[in-house]
Amino acid sequence: MATDHCRSASTILWTVTGLTLILLLTKNLIPSIVVPVLLLTQAVFTLLHGSRRYGWRAMVVFVAVTLLVSNTLENLSILTGFPFGNYHYTVGPQLFLVPVMIGPAYVATGYLAWTVATLLVGEVYRGCGRLTTIGTPLVASFAMVAWDLSMDPTLATIQRLWIWEDSGGFFGVPLVNFLGWSLTTYVFLQLFSLYLRSFGPEPTAASEPTTVSHLQSLVLYAATAATFVIAFLIGERTTVTDALGQTWRTGDIYEASVLTTIYGMIFITVLAALNLIRRSGVAPLNPPGTSRHISLAGTPTGSAS
């Protein structure tokens, strides 16, 4: 019975992964229809995938902390300019001054960034070391901001889903926006990391997440990057004007977006994929006569035989 249940859960998760992948790759075609469904499948993936790694309680904490921190700091910035700069949204419905859909987007992509960081740094578990507890959310915040670096000029300057009132040097987006993203994402990811260190799975009771588990997240992170490549290929070439009257060519914005995607998100994907191959043992990279394994914390240990 337990085996059947695991197979059923695995089948469901793969189905959600596949559906989310399809929606990500087609969202630029009919965004008004695809995006709401995509946010739903991303939420389901995050909860199902995360609960298998960390348990339901931990995922409730992750969602709650992410929504609270992101919505609080976004509203604070709209009112005061800190930490993202001066801007306002043009779409709704909104929770206070922030569209409701923004919170789930933080949760979904934040979780993917987190799982990618566990491949690059190590898994956070109860009682793990400070280096992993701090390093994993720090690297995850970079993986998250890489997403915004590719996204913000296209959605703000071209699509005008939000307006930067003071404009900015990166195709109408100010530097402070990305610094604000670094702060915001690091805060909620670090809080989740501290929770796992205090209340997460025991290292003796929890097993290292499987290659399949990591692969599912990595595929969706890569597909998220692919959306910007698709936008570059199909985006309309025209001109747009920002809030201060600066005119930008959309072709230049799309090109900058795909460049940052290749050397940001795709670069991170390649690093994580190489580490996943190492962990899975597909490509043995150790000298003859050396035994080696990856611990739950993601730290290689080994000894010469």
Protein backbone atom coordinates (compact mmCIF):
# COMPACT_ATOMS: atom_id res chain seq x y z
CA MET A 1 0.00 0.00 0.00
CA ALA A 2 2.79 2.42 0.91
CA THR A 3 4.55 1.69 -2.38
CA ASP A 4 1.34 2.28 -4.34
CA HIS A 5 0.79 5.56 -2.50
CA CYS A 6 4.33 6.73 -3.30
CA ARG A 7 3.91 5.82 -6.95
CA SER A 8 0.60 7.65 -7.11
CA ALA A 9 2.09 10.77 -5.49
CA SER A 10 5.06 10.61 -7.85
CA THR A 11 2.76 10.32 -10.87
CA ILE A 12 0.72 13.31 -9.74
CA LEU A 13 3.84 15.40 -9.16
CA TRP A 14 5.26 14.52 -12.58
CA THR A 15 1.91 15.41 -14.16
CA VAL A 16 1.90 18.80 -12.43
CA THR A 17 5.54 19.32 -13.44
CA GLY A 18 4.75 18.54 -17.08
CA LEU A 19 1.69 20.80 -17.13
CA THR A 20 3.62 23.65 -15.53
CA LEU A 21 6.40 23.19 -18.09
CA ILE A 22 3.93 23.44 -20.98
CA LEU A 23 2.30 26.54 -19.51
CA LEU A 24 5.65 28.24 -18.96
CA LEU A 25 6.67 27.65 -22.57
CA THR A 26 3.35 28.95 -23.94
CA LYS A 27 2.57 31.80 -21.56
CA ASN A 28 3.91 34.47 -23.96
CA LEU A 29 1.35 33.44 -26.58
CA ILE A 30 -1.87 34.10 -24.61
CA PRO A 31 -0.72 35.54 -21.25
CA SER A 32 -4.17 36.67 -20.10
CA ILE A 33 -5.39 33.06 -20.18
CA VAL A 34 -2.23 31.08 -19.46
CA VAL A 35 -0.75 33.10 -16.57
CA PRO A 36 -3.60 32.54 -14.04
CA VAL A 37 -3.57 28.79 -14.74
CA LEU A 38 0.21 28.78 -14.55
CA LEU A 39 0.18 30.41 -11.12
CA LEU A 40 -2.22 27.69 -9.94
CA THR A 41 -0.08 24.81 -11.22
CA GLN A 42 3.07 26.46 -9.81
CA ALA A 43 1.39 26.71 -6.40
CA VAL A 44 0.36 23.04 -6.53
CA PHE A 45 3.87 22.01 -7.57
CA THR A 46 5.46 24.03 -4.77
CA LEU A 47 3.22 22.53 -2.08
CA LEU A 48 3.42 18.94 -3.34
CA HIS A 49 7.11 18.98 -4.10
CA GLY A 50 8.07 20.85 -0.95
CA SER A 51 5.94 18.71 1.35
CA ARG A 52 7.76 15.58 0.14
CA ARG A 53 11.13 17.17 0.96
CA TYR A 54 10.36 19.07 4.16
CA GLY A 55 6.83 18.18 5.29
CA TRP A 56 3.58 20.14 5.13
CA ARG A 57 4.26 22.25 8.21
CA ALA A 58 7.53 23.55 6.76
CA MET A 59 5.83 24.44 3.48
CA VAL A 60 3.07 26.33 5.28
CA VAL A 61 5.83 28.30 6.99
CA PHE A 62 7.59 28.92 3.67
CA VAL A 63 4.43 30.19 1.99
CA ALA A 64 3.40 32.34 4.96
CA VAL A 65 6.83 33.93 5.42
CA THR A 66 7.24 34.58 1.69
CA LEU A 67 3.82 36.19 1.31
CA LEU A 68 4.19 38.28 4.46
CA VAL A 69 7.69 39.60 3.74
CA SER A 70 7.15 40.23 0.03
CA ASN A 71 3.78 41.96 0.42
CA THR A 72 4.95 44.06 3.36
CA LEU A 73 8.10 45.32 1.63
CA GLU A 74 6.35 45.89 -1.71
CA ASN A 75 3.66 47.99 -0.04
CA LEU A 76 6.31 49.82 2.00
CA SER A 77 8.21 50.67 -1.17
CA ILE A 78 5.12 51.91 -2.98
CA LEU A 79 4.44 54.22 -0.04
CA THR A 80 7.98 55.32 0.82
CA GLY A 81 10.37 54.25 -1.95
CA PHE A 82 12.17 51.69 0.25
CA PRO A 83 13.49 49.13 -0.61
CA PHE A 84 12.67 48.87 -4.34
CA GLY A 85 12.30 52.52 -5.32
CA ASN A 86 9.26 54.58 -6.36
CA TYR A 87 6.73 52.68 -8.45
CA HIS A 88 3.08 51.68 -8.61
CA TYR A 89 1.14 48.82 -10.17
CA THR A 90 -1.37 49.28 -12.97
CA VAL A 91 -3.15 45.91 -12.66
CA GLY A 92 -5.43 44.30 -10.06
CA PRO A 93 -7.08 42.96 -8.01
CA GLN A 94 -4.76 44.09 -5.27
CA LEU A 95 -3.91 43.22 -1.68
CA PHE A 96 -3.47 46.73 -0.30
CA LEU A 97 -1.36 48.25 -3.13
CA VAL A 98 0.10 45.05 -4.58
CA PRO A 99 -1.65 42.75 -7.09
CA VAL A 100 -2.76 39.45 -5.56
CA MET A 101 -0.88 37.47 -8.22
CA ILE A 102 2.50 38.90 -7.13
CA GLY A 103 2.59 36.89 -3.90
CA PRO A 104 2.16 33.45 -5.55
CA ALA A 105 4.83 34.41 -8.10
CA TYR A 106 7.27 35.09 -5.26
CA VAL A 107 6.37 31.75 -3.67
CA ALA A 108 6.68 29.67 -6.84
CA THR A 109 9.91 31.11 -8.20
CA GLY A 110 11.36 31.54 -4.73
CA TYR A 111 10.92 27.83 -4.10
CA LEU A 112 12.60 26.94 -7.40
CA ALA A 113 15.49 29.27 -6.55
CA TRP A 114 15.73 27.61 -3.13
CA THR A 115 15.94 24.09 -4.55
CA VAL A 116 18.54 25.17 -7.08
CA ALA A 117 20.61 26.64 -4.24
CA THR A 118 20.43 23.38 -2.29
CA LEU A 119 22.19 21.78 -5.26
CA LEU A 120 24.86 24.46 -5.33
CA VAL A 121 25.45 24.85 -1.58
CA GLY A 122 23.69 22.13 0.40
CA GLU A 123 20.43 21.01 1.97
CA VAL A 124 19.34 22.75 5.16
CA TYR A 125 18.22 20.36 7.91
CA ARG A 126 17.83 20.40 11.67
CA GLY A 127 21.07 21.30 13.37
CA CYS A 128 23.08 21.85 10.17
CA GLY A 129 26.10 24.18 10.10
CA ARG A 130 26.03 27.95 9.81
CA LEU A 131 27.69 27.97 6.40
CA THR A 132 24.83 26.02 4.80
CA THR A 133 22.17 27.82 6.87
CA ILE A 134 23.33 31.19 5.56
CA GLY A 135 24.91 30.20 2.25
CA THR A 136 21.92 28.38 0.78
CA PRO A 137 19.43 31.27 1.13
CA LEU A 138 22.10 33.74 0.00
CA VAL A 139 22.74 31.84 -3.23
CA ALA A 140 18.98 31.30 -3.64
CA SER A 141 18.45 35.07 -3.48
CA PHE A 142 20.88 35.52 -6.39
CA ALA A 143 19.02 32.83 -8.37
CA MET A 144 15.77 34.69 -7.63
CA VAL A 145 17.06 38.16 -8.55
CA ALA A 146 18.45 36.73 -11.81
CA TRP A 147 14.79 36.11 -12.70
CA ASP A 148 13.81 39.72 -12.02
CA LEU A 149 16.84 41.01 -13.90
CA SER A 150 15.47 39.34 -17.04
CA MET A 151 11.84 40.13 -16.30
CA ASP A 152 11.54 43.69 -15.00
CA PRO A 153 12.34 45.78 -18.11
CA THR A 154 9.97 43.75 -20.29
CA LEU A 155 7.02 43.67 -17.88
CA ALA A 156 7.45 47.24 -16.63
CA THR A 157 8.83 49.31 -19.51
CA ILE A 158 7.20 47.39 -22.38
CA GLN A 159 4.02 45.91 -20.88
CA ARG A 160 3.64 48.62 -18.19
CA LEU A 161 2.28 46.23 -15.57
CA TRP A 162 4.00 48.53 -13.10
CA ILE A 163 5.47 52.01 -13.59
CA TRP A 164 8.85 53.20 -12.35
CA GLU A 165 8.07 56.80 -11.48
CA ASP A 166 11.72 57.93 -11.51
CA SER A 167 12.70 55.69 -14.43
CA GLY A 168 16.17 54.08 -14.31
CA GLY A 169 19.27 53.25 -16.29
CA PHE A 170 18.42 49.62 -17.01
CA PHE A 171 15.81 50.29 -19.73
CA GLY A 172 13.68 52.33 -17.36
CA VAL A 173 14.31 50.20 -14.25
CA PRO A 174 16.46 51.65 -11.42
CA LEU A 175 19.38 49.91 -9.74
CA VAL A 176 17.68 50.20 -6.35
CA ASN A 177 14.96 47.81 -7.55
CA PHE A 178 17.40 44.93 -7.82
CA LEU A 179 19.02 45.78 -4.50
CA GLY A 180 15.54 45.73 -2.99
CA TRP A 181 14.90 42.34 -4.55
CA SER A 182 18.13 41.02 -3.07
CA LEU A 183 17.10 42.21 0.39
CA THR A 184 13.52 40.99 0.17
CA THR A 185 14.24 37.55 -1.21
CA TYR A 186 17.17 36.98 1.13
CA VAL A 187 15.03 37.87 4.16
CA PHE A 188 12.24 35.37 3.52
CA LEU A 189 14.61 32.65 2.31
CA GLN A 190 16.85 33.15 5.35
CA LEU A 191 13.86 32.95 7.68
CA PHE A 192 12.84 29.67 6.04
CA SER A 193 16.40 28.40 6.40
CA LEU A 194 16.46 29.24 10.11
CA TYR A 195 13.14 27.44 10.53
CA LEU A 196 14.54 24.31 8.88
CA ARG A 197 17.67 24.49 11.04
CA SER A 198 15.52 24.56 14.19
CA PHE A 199 12.48 22.49 13.22
CA GLY A 200 13.29 20.80 9.91
CA PRO A 201 13.94 17.11 9.22
CA GLU A 202 16.46 15.38 11.44
CA PRO A 203 19.65 14.48 9.57
CA THR A 204 19.36 10.88 10.76
CA ALA A 205 15.69 10.57 9.85
CA ALA A 206 15.60 12.48 6.57
CA SER A 207 17.16 11.17 3.39
CA GLU A 208 18.95 13.19 0.75
CA PRO A 209 16.35 14.44 -1.77
CA THR A 210 16.44 12.22 -4.82
CA THR A 211 17.87 13.08 -8.21
CA VAL A 212 14.31 13.09 -9.55
CA SER A 213 13.23 15.63 -6.93
CA HIS A 214 16.05 17.99 -7.86
CA LEU A 215 15.51 17.39 -11.57
CA GLN A 216 11.86 18.44 -11.43
CA SER A 217 12.72 21.79 -9.86
CA LEU A 218 15.68 22.36 -12.14
CA VAL A 219 13.59 21.71 -15.25
CA LEU A 220 11.02 24.30 -14.17
CA TYR A 221 13.72 26.86 -13.29
CA ALA A 222 15.22 26.32 -16.75
CA ALA A 223 11.76 26.62 -18.35
CA THR A 224 11.25 29.91 -16.51
CA ALA A 225 14.48 31.12 -18.12
CA ALA A 226 13.25 29.88 -21.51
CA THR A 227 10.24 32.23 -21.34
CA PHE A 228 12.58 35.19 -21.84
CA VAL A 229 14.24 33.55 -24.82
CA ILE A 230 10.78 33.01 -26.36
CA ALA A 231 9.83 36.63 -25.64
CA PHE A 232 12.99 37.75 -27.45
CA LEU A 233 12.05 35.65 -30.48
CA ILE A 234 8.40 36.70 -30.76
CA GLY A 235 8.32 40.15 -29.14
CA GLU A 236 7.13 43.08 -31.25
CA ARG A 237 9.85 45.49 -32.35
CA THR A 238 8.72 49.05 -31.69
CA THR A 239 9.47 51.91 -29.28
CA VAL A 240 8.13 52.62 -25.79
CA THR A 241 8.33 55.64 -23.48
CA ASP A 242 8.87 55.46 -19.73
CA ALA A 243 7.44 57.71 -17.00
CA LEU A 244 10.09 60.42 -17.52
CA GLY A 245 9.70 60.50 -21.29
CA GLN A 246 12.76 58.42 -22.13
CA THR A 247 12.22 56.42 -25.32
CA TRP A 248 13.47 52.85 -25.55
CA ARG A 249 13.50 50.38 -28.42
CA THR A 250 11.73 47.16 -27.44
CA GLY A 251 14.17 45.13 -29.52
CA ASP A 252 17.01 46.40 -27.33
CA ILE A 253 15.06 45.53 -24.17
CA TYR A 254 14.33 42.00 -25.38
CA GLU A 255 17.96 41.55 -26.38
CA ALA A 256 19.20 42.71 -22.98
CA SER A 257 16.69 40.39 -21.35
CA VAL A 258 17.91 37.34 -23.25
CA LEU A 259 21.54 38.24 -22.54
CA THR A 260 20.94 38.46 -18.80
CA THR A 261 18.96 35.22 -19.02
CA ILE A 262 21.78 33.31 -20.73
CA TYR A 263 24.49 34.52 -18.40
CA GLY A 264 22.27 34.61 -15.33
CA MET A 265 19.51 32.02 -15.02
CA ILE A 266 20.87 29.63 -17.64
CA PHE A 267 24.37 29.84 -16.17
CA ILE A 268 22.94 29.01 -12.73
CA THR A 269 21.00 26.12 -14.30
CA VAL A 270 24.16 24.70 -15.87
CA LEU A 271 26.05 24.88 -12.57
CA ALA A 272 23.21 23.18 -10.72
CA ALA A 273 22.84 20.51 -13.43
CA LEU A 274 26.55 19.66 -13.23
CA ASN A 275 26.29 19.31 -9.47
CA LEU A 276 23.20 17.14 -9.88
CA ILE A 277 25.14 14.84 -12.22
CA ARG A 278 27.89 14.57 -9.63
CA ARG A 279 25.43 13.74 -6.88
CA SER A 280 23.64 11.14 -8.96
CA GLY A 281 26.88 9.32 -9.68
CA VAL A 282 26.28 9.41 -13.44
CA ALA A 283 29.74 10.84 -14.07
CA PRO A 284 32.28 9.64 -11.50
CA LEU A 285 34.76 12.45 -11.03
CA ASN A 286 36.88 11.01 -8.23
CA PRO A 287 40.40 9.64 -8.60
CA PRO A 288 40.72 5.83 -8.59
CA GLY A 289 40.86 4.42 -5.09
CA THR A 290 38.86 7.26 -3.52
CA SER A 291 35.41 6.78 -2.08
CA ARG A 292 33.10 9.74 -1.90
CA HIS A 293 29.48 10.52 -1.09
CA ILE A 294 27.32 13.55 -0.58
CA SER A 295 25.90 14.11 2.87
CA LEU A 296 22.45 15.54 3.58
CA ALA A 297 24.04 18.94 4.02
CA GLY A 298 25.45 18.67 0.51
CA THR A 299 29.03 18.50 1.85
CA PRO A 300 31.27 15.97 0.11
CA THR A 301 32.97 13.55 2.48
CA GLY A 302 35.28 10.75 1.67
CA SER A 303 38.49 8.90 2.38
CA ALA A 304 41.13 7.13 0.41
CA SER A 305 40.69 3.39 0.37
